[in-house]
């Protein structure tokens, strides 16, 4: 995978595509309508509603550009072709924190699928990159801002 590519499943890609469609076809027309409505209030230099709508439009445009970029760089991964004996994209990996002596479970996902509350972490994150390629019993030493984390791989599965 080249570094400018954005690995994701078909479901993750479709989720981002749906969000982009909603922003472009539902949200953007609403903001354009709001700009037109507030423009009619008169003096634009003192029209707070107009300026707020224009600012909202700018933020929405930035989000749309970001989603388009992620979709343009998407690399849809065929899960059936990935090795099953090591940590790769889409793997559910159970690790033992060797410093805290507790277990955690992570699922390595692509952009648009991450949910840190349930352990779905980006494969491109430092933690994700530190786990990739490891096999059962391997120890991953991962440098993170809080220091060095050491995890023993105690389980690898695919859902």
Foldseek 3Di string as FASTA:
>chain_A
DDPLAWEAAPVLLVLLVVVLCCLVPPVLVVLVVQLVVQPVVDDPVPRPSNVVSVVVNVVSVVVSVVSVSNNVRYDHDDVVPDDQFFDDQQKWWWKQFPVVRHIDIAGAHTPNPADVVNRDDHCPDQVNVQRGPHGQQDWGWTQDPVGTIIIHTHDIDHD
